[in-house]
Amino acid sequence: MKNNEKRSIREWIVRILLLFIGVTIAHFGVTLFLLSDMGSDPFNVLVQGTYRALSSATGLGFLTHGRVHILLCAVIIVVLLFIDRSYIKLGTFICMVIGGPIIDIFTKILSPLFNSVPPIPVALALVVAGCVILAFGMTVVINSDAGTGPNDLVSVALADKLKKKFSIIRIITDVAFVLIGRLLGGTVGVGTLVCMFLVGLVAGVFLPVNKKLVDCAVRRFS
């Protein structure tokens, strides 16, 4: 999934714009998922567990969920810089910085529609819709090849290195995030379990589709 060919400035601009579109779509899906009130997505279970474990330590009261999220993303980036730095691009840092604010914006817009906890059928519909939209946006980001979100980079790098299908590796990494996060004190809900398996499967379908769309857009506007 990595590409080291030289690109013009115009092509990079097009790829970064596509990345922004993908990130926005993906985080709209995450917002729907969170509004379902059925648990966090797998990576945020890890973030939540890490936050609870660290915040209980003396002298670390300044930590917040958001800061721990950025900290874990930074750790992933540093590890990959040592393993294979070609995975780390400008878009990786863009994803790390803008994801939270995008969710905040969508939450302000959508939360008035859910003044109370939604009924279970509605909540499950939000989870499934959120997972599908997340997978679509995430694969646009990956196929933009302008940089992948730090948490998604784990799956991308492992799939490349192990020569395995991204969908299978994504499920494995999500399961690992949930197990480690739960051991650290993170909360797991029904939505978490659905997301843990659904996103990887849907992403496997969207990857080739979105690659054609992204390649077409790059050729058209570069």
N, C-alpha and C. Protein backbone atom coordinates (compact mmCIF):
# COMPACT_ATOMS: atom_id res chain seq x y z
N MET A 1 0.81 -1.21 0.00
CA MET A 1 0.00 0.00 0.00
C MET A 1 0.85 1.27 0.00
N LYS A 2 2.14 1.12 0.28
CA LYS A 2 2.99 2.30 0.27
C LYS A 2 3.50 2.55 -1.14
N ASN A 3 3.80 3.81 -1.44
CA ASN A 3 4.24 4.18 -2.77
C ASN A 3 5.31 5.25 -2.63
N ASN A 4 6.49 4.95 -3.15
CA ASN A 4 7.61 5.86 -2.95
C ASN A 4 7.94 6.68 -4.21
N GLU A 5 7.10 6.63 -5.26
CA GLU A 5 7.40 7.34 -6.49
C GLU A 5 7.35 8.85 -6.26
N LYS A 6 8.13 9.58 -7.08
CA LYS A 6 8.16 11.03 -6.97
C LYS A 6 6.87 11.61 -7.56
N ARG A 7 6.35 12.64 -6.90
CA ARG A 7 5.10 13.24 -7.33
C ARG A 7 5.25 14.74 -7.45
N SER A 8 4.45 15.33 -8.33
CA SER A 8 4.44 16.78 -8.48
C SER A 8 3.70 17.40 -7.30
N ILE A 9 3.94 18.70 -7.11
CA ILE A 9 3.25 19.42 -6.03
C ILE A 9 1.74 19.37 -6.24
N ARG A 10 1.32 19.50 -7.50
CA ARG A 10 -0.12 19.48 -7.78
C ARG A 10 -0.74 18.13 -7.40
N GLU A 11 -0.03 17.04 -7.69
CA GLU A 11 -0.56 15.72 -7.32
C GLU A 11 -0.65 15.57 -5.81
N TRP A 12 0.37 16.09 -5.11
CA TRP A 12 0.33 16.01 -3.65
C TRP A 12 -0.86 16.80 -3.10
N ILE A 13 -1.15 17.96 -3.69
CA ILE A 13 -2.29 18.76 -3.24
C ILE A 13 -3.59 17.98 -3.42
N VAL A 14 -3.73 17.32 -4.60
CA VAL A 14 -4.93 16.53 -4.87
C VAL A 14 -5.05 15.39 -3.87
N ARG A 15 -3.93 14.71 -3.58
CA ARG A 15 -3.96 13.58 -2.65
C ARG A 15 -4.27 14.04 -1.22
N ILE A 16 -3.74 15.18 -0.83
CA ILE A 16 -4.04 15.71 0.50
C ILE A 16 -5.52 16.09 0.61
N LEU A 17 -6.08 16.68 -0.45
CA LEU A 17 -7.51 17.02 -0.46
C LEU A 17 -8.37 15.77 -0.34
N LEU A 18 -7.98 14.71 -1.05
CA LEU A 18 -8.70 13.44 -0.96
C LEU A 18 -8.60 12.87 0.46
N LEU A 19 -7.43 13.02 1.06
CA LEU A 19 -7.25 12.58 2.44
C LEU A 19 -8.20 13.33 3.37
N PHE A 20 -8.31 14.65 3.22
CA PHE A 20 -9.22 15.44 4.04
C PHE A 20 -10.66 14.95 3.88
N ILE A 21 -11.05 14.65 2.64
CA ILE A 21 -12.40 14.14 2.39
C ILE A 21 -12.61 12.81 3.11
N GLY A 22 -11.61 11.92 2.99
CA GLY A 22 -11.70 10.62 3.64
C GLY A 22 -11.77 10.72 5.16
N VAL A 23 -10.93 11.60 5.73
CA VAL A 23 -10.93 11.78 7.18
C VAL A 23 -12.28 12.31 7.67
N THR A 24 -12.84 13.26 6.92
CA THR A 24 -14.14 13.83 7.30
C THR A 24 -15.24 12.77 7.27
N ILE A 25 -15.25 11.97 6.20
CA ILE A 25 -16.24 10.90 6.10
C ILE A 25 -16.07 9.89 7.23
N ALA A 26 -14.82 9.48 7.46
CA ALA A 26 -14.55 8.49 8.49
C ALA A 26 -14.99 8.97 9.87
N HIS A 27 -14.72 10.23 10.18
CA HIS A 27 -15.05 10.73 11.52
C HIS A 27 -16.54 11.07 11.67
N PHE A 28 -17.22 11.25 10.55
CA PHE A 28 -18.68 11.31 10.61
C PHE A 28 -19.21 9.95 11.06
N GLY A 29 -18.62 8.88 10.51
CA GLY A 29 -19.01 7.54 10.92
C GLY A 29 -18.71 7.28 12.40
N VAL A 30 -17.54 7.73 12.84
CA VAL A 30 -17.18 7.57 14.26
C VAL A 30 -18.17 8.30 15.15
N THR A 31 -18.60 9.50 14.72
CA THR A 31 -19.56 10.28 15.51
C THR A 31 -20.89 9.55 15.64
N LEU A 32 -21.39 8.98 14.54
CA LEU A 32 -22.62 8.20 14.60
C LEU A 32 -22.46 7.03 15.57
N PHE A 33 -21.31 6.38 15.47
CA PHE A 33 -21.01 5.25 16.35
C PHE A 33 -21.06 5.67 17.82
N LEU A 34 -20.42 6.79 18.13
CA LEU A 34 -20.37 7.26 19.52
C LEU A 34 -21.76 7.69 20.02
N LEU A 35 -22.57 8.28 19.14
CA LEU A 35 -23.92 8.70 19.53
C LEU A 35 -24.84 7.51 19.81
N SER A 36 -24.45 6.33 19.34
CA SER A 36 -25.27 5.14 19.61
C SER A 36 -25.24 4.78 21.10
N ASP A 37 -24.21 5.26 21.80
CA ASP A 37 -24.04 4.97 23.23
C ASP A 37 -23.91 3.46 23.50
N MET A 38 -23.25 2.77 22.57
CA MET A 38 -23.08 1.32 22.71
C MET A 38 -21.60 0.93 22.79
N GLY A 39 -20.78 1.87 23.23
CA GLY A 39 -19.37 1.57 23.39
C GLY A 39 -18.49 2.37 22.44
N SER A 40 -17.19 2.36 22.69
CA SER A 40 -16.22 3.07 21.84
C SER A 40 -15.70 2.13 20.76
N ASP A 41 -15.12 2.73 19.70
CA ASP A 41 -14.45 1.91 18.70
C ASP A 41 -13.20 1.29 19.32
N PRO A 42 -12.66 0.19 18.74
CA PRO A 42 -11.55 -0.54 19.36
C PRO A 42 -10.36 0.30 19.79
N PHE A 43 -9.89 1.22 18.93
CA PHE A 43 -8.72 2.01 19.31
C PHE A 43 -9.02 2.89 20.52
N ASN A 44 -10.23 3.45 20.57
CA ASN A 44 -10.57 4.31 21.70
C ASN A 44 -10.80 3.53 22.99
N VAL A 45 -11.07 2.22 22.89
CA VAL A 45 -11.09 1.39 24.10
C VAL A 45 -9.67 1.31 24.66
N LEU A 46 -8.69 1.16 23.75
CA LEU A 46 -7.28 1.16 24.17
C LEU A 46 -6.90 2.50 24.78
N VAL A 47 -7.34 3.59 24.14
CA VAL A 47 -7.05 4.93 24.65
C VAL A 47 -7.68 5.11 26.02
N GLN A 48 -8.93 4.71 26.15
CA GLN A 48 -9.64 4.86 27.42
C GLN A 48 -8.96 4.07 28.53
N GLY A 49 -8.60 2.82 28.23
CA GLY A 49 -7.93 1.99 29.23
C GLY A 49 -6.58 2.56 29.63
N THR A 50 -5.82 3.03 28.63
CA THR A 50 -4.51 3.63 28.91
C THR A 50 -4.66 4.89 29.75
N TYR A 51 -5.67 5.70 29.40
CA TYR A 51 -5.93 6.93 30.15
C TYR A 51 -6.25 6.62 31.61
N ARG A 52 -7.11 5.65 31.83
CA ARG A 52 -7.49 5.30 33.21
C ARG A 52 -6.31 4.73 33.99
N ALA A 53 -5.48 3.94 33.30
CA ALA A 53 -4.31 3.37 33.98
C ALA A 53 -3.29 4.45 34.33
N LEU A 54 -3.04 5.37 33.39
CA LEU A 54 -2.05 6.42 33.62
C LEU A 54 -2.55 7.48 34.60
N SER A 55 -3.84 7.83 34.51
CA SER A 55 -4.37 8.89 35.37
C SER A 55 -4.42 8.47 36.83
N SER A 56 -4.40 7.16 37.07
CA SER A 56 -4.40 6.69 38.45
C SER A 56 -3.02 6.78 39.09
N ALA A 57 -1.99 6.99 38.25
CA ALA A 57 -0.62 7.12 38.76
C ALA A 57 -0.42 8.52 39.34
N THR A 58 0.42 8.60 40.36
CA THR A 58 0.69 9.88 41.03
C THR A 58 1.37 10.87 40.08
N GLY A 59 0.87 12.11 40.06
CA GLY A 59 1.51 13.16 39.29
C GLY A 59 1.12 13.23 37.83
N LEU A 60 0.16 12.40 37.41
CA LEU A 60 -0.23 12.41 36.00
C LEU A 60 -1.67 12.89 35.83
N GLY A 61 -2.11 13.75 36.72
CA GLY A 61 -3.48 14.25 36.67
C GLY A 61 -3.76 15.17 35.50
N PHE A 62 -2.70 15.66 34.82
CA PHE A 62 -2.88 16.58 33.69
C PHE A 62 -3.37 15.85 32.44
N LEU A 63 -3.34 14.52 32.45
CA LEU A 63 -3.72 13.77 31.28
C LEU A 63 -5.22 13.85 31.02
N THR A 64 -5.60 13.85 29.75
CA THR A 64 -7.00 13.76 29.35
C THR A 64 -7.10 12.65 28.30
N HIS A 65 -8.33 12.24 27.99
CA HIS A 65 -8.54 11.21 26.98
C HIS A 65 -7.92 11.65 25.65
N GLY A 66 -8.15 12.92 25.28
CA GLY A 66 -7.62 13.42 24.02
C GLY A 66 -6.10 13.42 23.98
N ARG A 67 -5.47 13.79 25.08
CA ARG A 67 -4.00 13.83 25.13
C ARG A 67 -3.42 12.42 25.05
N VAL A 68 -4.09 11.47 25.69
CA VAL A 68 -3.61 10.09 25.63
C VAL A 68 -3.78 9.55 24.21
N HIS A 69 -4.86 9.95 23.54
CA HIS A 69 -5.09 9.54 22.15
C HIS A 69 -3.91 10.00 21.29
N ILE A 70 -3.53 11.27 21.41
CA ILE A 70 -2.41 11.80 20.64
C ILE A 70 -1.11 11.11 21.05
N LEU A 71 -0.95 10.83 22.34
CA LEU A 71 0.26 10.16 22.83
C LEU A 71 0.42 8.78 22.20
N LEU A 72 -0.67 7.99 22.17
CA LEU A 72 -0.59 6.66 21.59
C LEU A 72 -0.33 6.73 20.08
N CYS A 73 -0.95 7.71 19.42
CA CYS A 73 -0.69 7.90 17.99
C CYS A 73 0.79 8.25 17.76
N ALA A 74 1.34 9.09 18.63
CA ALA A 74 2.74 9.47 18.51
C ALA A 74 3.65 8.26 18.72
N VAL A 75 3.30 7.39 19.66
CA VAL A 75 4.09 6.18 19.90
C VAL A 75 4.10 5.30 18.65
N ILE A 76 2.93 5.14 18.02
CA ILE A 76 2.84 4.34 16.80
C ILE A 76 3.73 4.94 15.71
N ILE A 77 3.69 6.26 15.57
CA ILE A 77 4.51 6.93 14.56
C ILE A 77 5.99 6.71 14.83
N VAL A 78 6.41 6.86 16.07
CA VAL A 78 7.82 6.69 16.43
C VAL A 78 8.28 5.26 16.14
N VAL A 79 7.46 4.28 16.50
CA VAL A 79 7.81 2.87 16.26
C VAL A 79 7.99 2.63 14.76
N LEU A 80 7.07 3.15 13.95
CA LEU A 80 7.16 2.95 12.51
C LEU A 80 8.32 3.71 11.88
N LEU A 81 8.71 4.82 12.49
CA LEU A 81 9.88 5.54 12.00
C LEU A 81 11.13 4.66 12.10
N PHE A 82 11.17 3.81 13.11
CA PHE A 82 12.31 2.90 13.28
C PHE A 82 12.19 1.67 12.38
N ILE A 83 10.94 1.20 12.17
CA ILE A 83 10.72 -0.01 11.37
C ILE A 83 10.77 0.29 9.88
N ASP A 84 9.98 1.26 9.43
CA ASP A 84 9.93 1.63 8.02
C ASP A 84 9.31 3.02 7.90
N ARG A 85 10.15 4.03 7.79
CA ARG A 85 9.67 5.42 7.84
C ARG A 85 8.90 5.82 6.58
N SER A 86 8.92 5.01 5.52
CA SER A 86 8.20 5.37 4.30
C SER A 86 6.69 5.38 4.50
N TYR A 87 6.21 4.77 5.58
CA TYR A 87 4.78 4.79 5.88
C TYR A 87 4.33 6.14 6.45
N ILE A 88 5.26 6.88 7.02
CA ILE A 88 4.93 8.14 7.69
C ILE A 88 5.01 9.29 6.69
N LYS A 89 3.87 9.93 6.44
CA LYS A 89 3.81 11.04 5.50
C LYS A 89 3.08 12.21 6.15
N LEU A 90 3.01 13.32 5.43
CA LEU A 90 2.37 14.52 5.96
C LEU A 90 0.95 14.23 6.43
N GLY A 91 0.21 13.46 5.64
CA GLY A 91 -1.17 13.17 5.99
C GLY A 91 -1.33 12.42 7.30
N THR A 92 -0.30 11.68 7.70
CA THR A 92 -0.35 10.96 8.98
C THR A 92 -0.52 11.93 10.13
N PHE A 93 0.23 13.02 10.08
CA PHE A 93 0.16 14.02 11.14
C PHE A 93 -1.13 14.83 11.04
N ILE A 94 -1.59 15.06 9.80
CA ILE A 94 -2.86 15.77 9.61
C ILE A 94 -3.99 14.97 10.25
N CYS A 95 -4.02 13.67 9.99
CA CYS A 95 -5.05 12.80 10.57
C CYS A 95 -5.03 12.85 12.09
N MET A 96 -3.84 12.83 12.66
CA MET A 96 -3.69 12.81 14.11
C MET A 96 -4.24 14.09 14.74
N VAL A 97 -4.06 15.22 14.05
CA VAL A 97 -4.43 16.52 14.61
C VAL A 97 -5.90 16.86 14.41
N ILE A 98 -6.46 16.54 13.23
CA ILE A 98 -7.79 17.05 12.91
C ILE A 98 -8.94 16.12 13.25
N GLY A 99 -8.64 14.85 13.56
CA GLY A 99 -9.70 13.89 13.84
C GLY A 99 -10.61 14.30 14.99
N GLY A 100 -10.01 14.66 16.11
CA GLY A 100 -10.77 15.06 17.29
C GLY A 100 -11.68 16.26 17.04
N PRO A 101 -11.15 17.36 16.48
CA PRO A 101 -12.00 18.52 16.20
C PRO A 101 -13.15 18.21 15.25
N ILE A 102 -12.92 17.33 14.26
CA ILE A 102 -13.99 16.97 13.34
C ILE A 102 -15.12 16.26 14.09
N ILE A 103 -14.76 15.36 14.98
CA ILE A 103 -15.78 14.66 15.79
C ILE A 103 -16.54 15.66 16.66
N ASP A 104 -15.83 16.63 17.22
CA ASP A 104 -16.48 17.65 18.06
C ASP A 104 -17.52 18.43 17.25
N ILE A 105 -17.17 18.78 16.01
CA ILE A 105 -18.10 19.53 15.15
C ILE A 105 -19.34 18.71 14.84
N PHE A 106 -19.13 17.46 14.42
CA PHE A 106 -20.26 16.60 14.08
C PHE A 106 -21.12 16.29 15.31
N THR A 107 -20.47 16.18 16.47
CA THR A 107 -21.23 15.91 17.70
C THR A 107 -22.16 17.07 18.02
N LYS A 108 -21.67 18.30 17.88
CA LYS A 108 -22.51 19.47 18.14
C LYS A 108 -23.69 19.53 17.18
N ILE A 109 -23.46 19.12 15.94
CA ILE A 109 -24.52 19.16 14.93
C ILE A 109 -25.56 18.06 15.16
N LEU A 110 -25.08 16.86 15.47
CA LEU A 110 -25.96 15.70 15.53
C LEU A 110 -26.55 15.39 16.90
N SER A 111 -25.84 15.79 17.97
CA SER A 111 -26.31 15.42 19.32
C SER A 111 -27.70 15.92 19.66
N PRO A 112 -28.16 17.10 19.15
CA PRO A 112 -29.54 17.51 19.45
C PRO A 112 -30.59 16.50 18.96
N LEU A 113 -30.20 15.68 17.98
CA LEU A 113 -31.13 14.66 17.48
C LEU A 113 -31.27 13.50 18.44
N PHE A 114 -30.32 13.41 19.39
CA PHE A 114 -30.32 12.29 20.34
C PHE A 114 -30.20 12.84 21.76
N ASN A 115 -31.30 13.45 22.23
CA ASN A 115 -31.29 14.05 23.56
C ASN A 115 -31.28 13.01 24.67
N SER A 116 -31.65 11.78 24.33
CA SER A 116 -31.63 10.70 25.30
C SER A 116 -31.01 9.48 24.63
N VAL A 117 -30.79 8.43 25.43
CA VAL A 117 -30.20 7.21 24.88
C VAL A 117 -31.16 6.61 23.85
N PRO A 118 -30.72 6.38 22.61
CA PRO A 118 -31.61 5.86 21.58
C PRO A 118 -32.06 4.43 21.87
N PRO A 119 -33.24 4.04 21.41
CA PRO A 119 -33.70 2.65 21.58
C PRO A 119 -32.70 1.69 20.94
N ILE A 120 -32.68 0.45 21.41
CA ILE A 120 -31.69 -0.52 20.93
C ILE A 120 -31.69 -0.68 19.41
N PRO A 121 -32.85 -0.81 18.74
CA PRO A 121 -32.80 -0.94 17.27
C PRO A 121 -32.15 0.27 16.59
N VAL A 122 -32.46 1.47 17.08
CA VAL A 122 -31.86 2.68 16.52
C VAL A 122 -30.36 2.71 16.82
N ALA A 123 -29.99 2.34 18.04
CA ALA A 123 -28.58 2.34 18.43
C ALA A 123 -27.78 1.37 17.57
N LEU A 124 -28.32 0.18 17.32
CA LEU A 124 -27.62 -0.80 16.48
C LEU A 124 -27.51 -0.29 15.05
N ALA A 125 -28.56 0.38 14.57
CA ALA A 125 -28.52 0.95 13.22
C ALA A 125 -27.42 2.01 13.13
N LEU A 126 -27.29 2.82 14.18
CA LEU A 126 -26.24 3.84 14.21
C LEU A 126 -24.85 3.20 14.21
N VAL A 127 -24.71 2.11 14.96
CA VAL A 127 -23.42 1.40 15.02
C VAL A 127 -23.05 0.87 13.64
N VAL A 128 -23.99 0.19 12.99
CA VAL A 128 -23.70 -0.40 11.68
C VAL A 128 -23.42 0.69 10.65
N ALA A 129 -24.27 1.74 10.64
CA ALA A 129 -24.06 2.84 9.70
C ALA A 129 -22.72 3.52 9.96
N GLY A 130 -22.40 3.73 11.24
CA GLY A 130 -21.14 4.35 11.61
C GLY A 130 -19.95 3.53 11.16
N CYS A 131 -20.03 2.21 11.33
CA CYS A 131 -18.93 1.32 10.94
C CYS A 131 -18.72 1.34 9.42
N VAL A 132 -19.82 1.30 8.67
CA VAL A 132 -19.72 1.29 7.21
C VAL A 132 -19.14 2.61 6.70
N ILE A 133 -19.64 3.73 7.24
CA ILE A 133 -19.13 5.04 6.83
C ILE A 133 -17.67 5.20 7.23
N LEU A 134 -17.33 4.75 8.44
CA LEU A 134 -15.94 4.79 8.90
C LEU A 134 -15.03 4.01 7.96
N ALA A 135 -15.45 2.80 7.58
CA ALA A 135 -14.63 1.96 6.71
C ALA A 135 -14.46 2.61 5.34
N PHE A 136 -15.53 3.22 4.82
CA PHE A 136 -15.43 3.90 3.52
C PHE A 136 -14.43 5.05 3.58
N GLY A 137 -14.59 5.93 4.57
CA GLY A 137 -13.68 7.07 4.70
C GLY A 137 -12.25 6.65 4.95
N MET A 138 -12.07 5.63 5.79
CA MET A 138 -10.73 5.15 6.11
C MET A 138 -10.01 4.63 4.87
N THR A 139 -10.75 3.92 3.99
CA THR A 139 -10.10 3.38 2.79
C THR A 139 -9.81 4.47 1.77
N VAL A 140 -10.58 5.56 1.78
CA VAL A 140 -10.25 6.71 0.94
C VAL A 140 -8.92 7.30 1.40
N VAL A 141 -8.77 7.43 2.71
CA VAL A 141 -7.52 7.95 3.28
C VAL A 141 -6.34 7.06 2.90
N ILE A 142 -6.50 5.76 3.09
CA ILE A 142 -5.42 4.82 2.79
C ILE A 142 -5.04 4.89 1.31
N ASN A 143 -6.05 4.91 0.43
CA ASN A 143 -5.79 4.92 -1.01
C ASN A 143 -5.29 6.27 -1.53
N SER A 144 -5.51 7.34 -0.75
CA SER A 144 -4.95 8.64 -1.15
C SER A 144 -3.44 8.60 -1.16
N ASP A 145 -2.87 7.70 -0.36
CA ASP A 145 -1.41 7.53 -0.24
C ASP A 145 -0.72 8.84 0.09
N ALA A 146 -1.43 9.69 0.85
CA ALA A 146 -0.83 10.94 1.32
C ALA A 146 -0.47 10.83 2.79
N GLY A 147 -0.75 9.66 3.37
CA GLY A 147 -0.53 9.44 4.80
C GLY A 147 -1.76 8.83 5.44
N THR A 148 -1.56 7.82 6.24
CA THR A 148 -2.66 7.12 6.88
C THR A 148 -2.75 7.50 8.35
N GLY A 149 -3.97 7.54 8.90
CA GLY A 149 -4.14 7.80 10.33
C GLY A 149 -3.29 6.87 11.16
N PRO A 150 -2.65 7.37 12.22
CA PRO A 150 -1.72 6.55 13.01
C PRO A 150 -2.29 5.22 13.49
N ASN A 151 -3.55 5.19 13.97
CA ASN A 151 -4.10 3.93 14.46
C ASN A 151 -4.34 2.95 13.31
N ASP A 152 -4.70 3.46 12.12
CA ASP A 152 -4.89 2.58 10.96
C ASP A 152 -3.56 2.10 10.39
N LEU A 153 -2.49 2.85 10.65
CA LEU A 153 -1.17 2.48 10.14
C LEU A 153 -0.72 1.11 10.65
N VAL A 154 -1.13 0.76 11.84
CA VAL A 154 -0.76 -0.55 12.39
C VAL A 154 -1.24 -1.65 11.45
N SER A 155 -2.51 -1.57 11.04
CA SER A 155 -3.07 -2.58 10.14
C SER A 155 -2.43 -2.52 8.76
N VAL A 156 -2.22 -1.29 8.24
CA VAL A 156 -1.62 -1.13 6.92
C VAL A 156 -0.21 -1.72 6.88
N ALA A 157 0.60 -1.38 7.87
CA ALA A 157 1.98 -1.86 7.90
C ALA A 157 2.05 -3.37 8.07
N LEU A 158 1.24 -3.92 8.97
CA LEU A 158 1.25 -5.37 9.19
C LEU A 158 0.78 -6.12 7.96
N ALA A 159 -0.27 -5.60 7.30
CA ALA A 159 -0.76 -6.25 6.09
C ALA A 159 0.32 -6.28 5.00
N ASP A 160 1.06 -5.18 4.88
CA ASP A 160 2.15 -5.12 3.89
C ASP A 160 3.29 -6.07 4.26
N LYS A 161 3.71 -6.00 5.50
CA LYS A 161 4.87 -6.79 5.92
C LYS A 161 4.58 -8.29 5.91
N LEU A 162 3.36 -8.67 6.31
CA LEU A 162 3.00 -10.09 6.39
C LEU A 162 2.40 -10.62 5.09
N LYS A 163 2.17 -9.71 4.12
CA LYS A 163 1.57 -10.10 2.84
C LYS A 163 0.21 -10.78 3.04
N LYS A 164 -0.58 -10.22 3.92
CA LYS A 164 -1.91 -10.75 4.22
C LYS A 164 -2.98 -9.74 3.83
N LYS A 165 -4.23 -10.20 3.73
CA LYS A 165 -5.33 -9.30 3.41
C LYS A 165 -5.52 -8.26 4.50
N PHE A 166 -5.74 -7.01 4.08
CA PHE A 166 -5.93 -5.93 5.04
C PHE A 166 -7.11 -6.21 5.96
N SER A 167 -8.21 -6.75 5.40
CA SER A 167 -9.41 -6.98 6.19
C SER A 167 -9.14 -7.91 7.38
N ILE A 168 -8.36 -8.96 7.14
CA ILE A 168 -8.05 -9.92 8.22
C ILE A 168 -7.15 -9.27 9.26
N ILE A 169 -6.12 -8.57 8.81
CA ILE A 169 -5.19 -7.91 9.73
C ILE A 169 -5.91 -6.84 10.54
N ARG A 170 -6.84 -6.12 9.90
CA ARG A 170 -7.60 -5.08 10.61
C ARG A 170 -8.40 -5.68 11.75
N ILE A 171 -9.03 -6.81 11.51
CA ILE A 171 -9.80 -7.47 12.57
C ILE A 171 -8.88 -7.89 13.71
N ILE A 172 -7.73 -8.45 13.36
CA ILE A 172 -6.78 -8.90 14.39
C ILE A 172 -6.29 -7.73 15.24
N THR A 173 -5.94 -6.61 14.59
CA THR A 173 -5.45 -5.46 15.36
C THR A 173 -6.56 -4.86 16.22
N ASP A 174 -7.79 -4.84 15.70
CA ASP A 174 -8.91 -4.31 16.50
C ASP A 174 -9.16 -5.19 17.72
N VAL A 175 -9.09 -6.50 17.53
CA VAL A 175 -9.25 -7.43 18.67
C VAL A 175 -8.15 -7.17 19.70
N ALA A 176 -6.92 -6.97 19.22
CA ALA A 176 -5.80 -6.70 20.13
C ALA A 176 -6.02 -5.39 20.89
N PHE A 177 -6.46 -4.34 20.19
CA PHE A 177 -6.75 -3.05 20.84
C PHE A 177 -7.77 -3.23 21.96
N VAL A 178 -8.84 -3.98 21.67
CA VAL A 178 -9.92 -4.17 22.65
C VAL A 178 -9.43 -4.97 23.85
N LEU A 179 -8.71 -6.05 23.60
CA LEU A 179 -8.23 -6.90 24.71
C LEU A 179 -7.28 -6.13 25.62
N ILE A 180 -6.32 -5.42 25.02
CA ILE A 180 -5.36 -4.66 25.83
C ILE A 180 -6.08 -3.53 26.57
N GLY A 181 -6.96 -2.83 25.85
CA GLY A 181 -7.70 -1.73 26.47
C GLY A 181 -8.57 -2.20 27.61
N ARG A 182 -9.22 -3.36 27.43
CA ARG A 182 -10.08 -3.91 28.49
C ARG A 182 -9.25 -4.28 29.72
N LEU A 183 -8.08 -4.87 29.50
CA LEU A 183 -7.20 -5.24 30.61
C LEU A 183 -6.74 -4.01 31.39
N LEU A 184 -6.61 -2.88 30.69
CA LEU A 184 -6.17 -1.63 31.33
C LEU A 184 -7.32 -0.87 31.98
N GLY A 185 -8.55 -1.33 31.75
CA GLY A 185 -9.69 -0.68 32.39
C GLY A 185 -10.65 0.00 31.46
N GLY A 186 -10.48 -0.21 30.14
CA GLY A 186 -11.39 0.38 29.16
C GLY A 186 -12.75 -0.30 29.18
N THR A 187 -13.77 0.42 28.72
CA THR A 187 -15.13 -0.11 28.70
C THR A 187 -15.48 -0.65 27.31
N VAL A 188 -16.01 -1.87 27.29
CA VAL A 188 -16.38 -2.51 26.03
C VAL A 188 -17.89 -2.66 25.97
N GLY A 189 -18.50 -2.21 24.86
CA GLY A 189 -19.94 -2.34 24.68
C GLY A 189 -20.28 -3.21 23.49
N VAL A 190 -21.56 -3.41 23.26
CA VAL A 190 -22.01 -4.21 22.12
C VAL A 190 -21.49 -3.60 20.82
N GLY A 191 -21.56 -2.27 20.74
CA GLY A 191 -21.08 -1.59 19.55
C GLY A 191 -19.60 -1.83 19.30
N THR A 192 -18.83 -1.93 20.35
CA THR A 192 -17.39 -2.21 20.23
C THR A 192 -17.17 -3.56 19.55
N LEU A 193 -17.94 -4.55 19.98
CA LEU A 193 -17.79 -5.90 19.43
C LEU A 193 -18.21 -5.94 17.96
N VAL A 194 -19.28 -5.21 17.63
CA VAL A 194 -19.70 -5.13 16.23
C VAL A 194 -18.62 -4.47 15.39
N CYS A 195 -18.11 -3.35 15.88
CA CYS A 195 -17.08 -2.59 15.16
C CYS A 195 -15.81 -3.41 14.97
N MET A 196 -15.47 -4.20 15.98
CA MET A 196 -14.24 -4.98 15.99
C MET A 196 -14.16 -5.92 14.78
N PHE A 197 -15.30 -6.43 14.34
CA PHE A 197 -15.31 -7.37 13.22
C PHE A 197 -15.85 -6.75 11.93
N LEU A 198 -16.79 -5.81 12.03
CA LEU A 198 -17.45 -5.28 10.85
C LEU A 198 -16.57 -4.35 10.03
N VAL A 199 -15.82 -3.46 10.69
CA VAL A 199 -15.03 -2.47 9.96
C VAL A 199 -14.00 -3.13 9.05
N GLY A 200 -13.31 -4.13 9.56
CA GLY A 200 -12.31 -4.83 8.75
C GLY A 200 -12.91 -5.49 7.52
N LEU A 201 -14.05 -6.15 7.70
CA LEU A 201 -14.71 -6.82 6.58
C LEU A 201 -15.18 -5.83 5.53
N VAL A 202 -15.81 -4.73 5.97
CA VAL A 202 -16.31 -3.72 5.04
C VAL A 202 -15.14 -3.02 4.34
N ALA A 203 -14.08 -2.73 5.10
CA ALA A 203 -12.91 -2.07 4.51
C ALA A 203 -12.31 -2.93 3.40
N GLY A 204 -12.32 -4.25 3.58
CA GLY A 204 -11.80 -5.15 2.56
C GLY A 204 -12.57 -5.02 1.24
N VAL A 205 -13.86 -4.71 1.34
CA VAL A 205 -14.69 -4.51 0.14
C VAL A 205 -14.42 -3.15 -0.49
N PHE A 206 -14.29 -2.12 0.36
CA PHE A 206 -14.13 -0.75 -0.13
C PHE A 206 -12.74 -0.45 -0.67
N LEU A 207 -11.70 -1.14 -0.20
CA LEU A 207 -10.33 -0.81 -0.61
C LEU A 207 -10.15 -0.79 -2.13
N PRO A 208 -10.51 -1.88 -2.85
CA PRO A 208 -10.32 -1.83 -4.31
C PRO A 208 -11.24 -0.83 -5.01
N VAL A 209 -12.46 -0.66 -4.48
CA VAL A 209 -13.41 0.29 -5.06
C VAL A 209 -12.87 1.71 -4.95
N ASN A 210 -12.44 2.07 -3.75
CA ASN A 210 -11.95 3.42 -3.52
C ASN A 210 -10.60 3.68 -4.18
N LYS A 211 -9.83 2.64 -4.40
CA LYS A 211 -8.56 2.82 -5.11
C LYS A 211 -8.83 3.30 -6.53
N LYS A 212 -9.85 2.72 -7.18
CA LYS A 212 -10.21 3.15 -8.54
C LYS A 212 -10.70 4.59 -8.53
N LEU A 213 -11.52 4.94 -7.52
CA LEU A 213 -12.05 6.31 -7.43
C LEU A 213 -10.93 7.32 -7.19
N VAL A 214 -10.01 6.98 -6.26
CA VAL A 214 -8.91 7.88 -5.95
C VAL A 214 -7.97 8.03 -7.14
N ASP A 215 -7.61 6.91 -7.78
CA ASP A 215 -6.73 6.97 -8.94
C ASP A 215 -7.34 7.80 -10.07
N CYS A 216 -8.66 7.65 -10.25
CA CYS A 216 -9.35 8.42 -11.28
C CYS A 216 -9.30 9.92 -10.96
N ALA A 217 -9.54 10.26 -9.69
CA ALA A 217 -9.51 11.67 -9.28
C ALA A 217 -8.11 12.26 -9.42
N VAL A 218 -7.10 11.48 -9.06
CA VAL A 218 -5.71 11.96 -9.17
C VAL A 218 -5.35 12.22 -10.63
N ARG A 219 -5.73 11.29 -11.54
CA ARG A 219 -5.44 11.47 -12.96
C ARG A 219 -6.21 12.68 -13.53
N ARG A 220 -7.42 12.87 -13.05
CA ARG A 220 -8.27 13.93 -13.59
C ARG A 220 -7.79 15.31 -13.18
N PHE A 221 -7.35 15.47 -11.94
CA PHE A 221 -7.06 16.81 -11.42
C PHE A 221 -5.58 17.11 -11.24
N SER A 222 -4.72 16.13 -11.42
CA SER A 222 -3.27 16.40 -11.25
C SER A 222 -2.65 16.95 -12.53
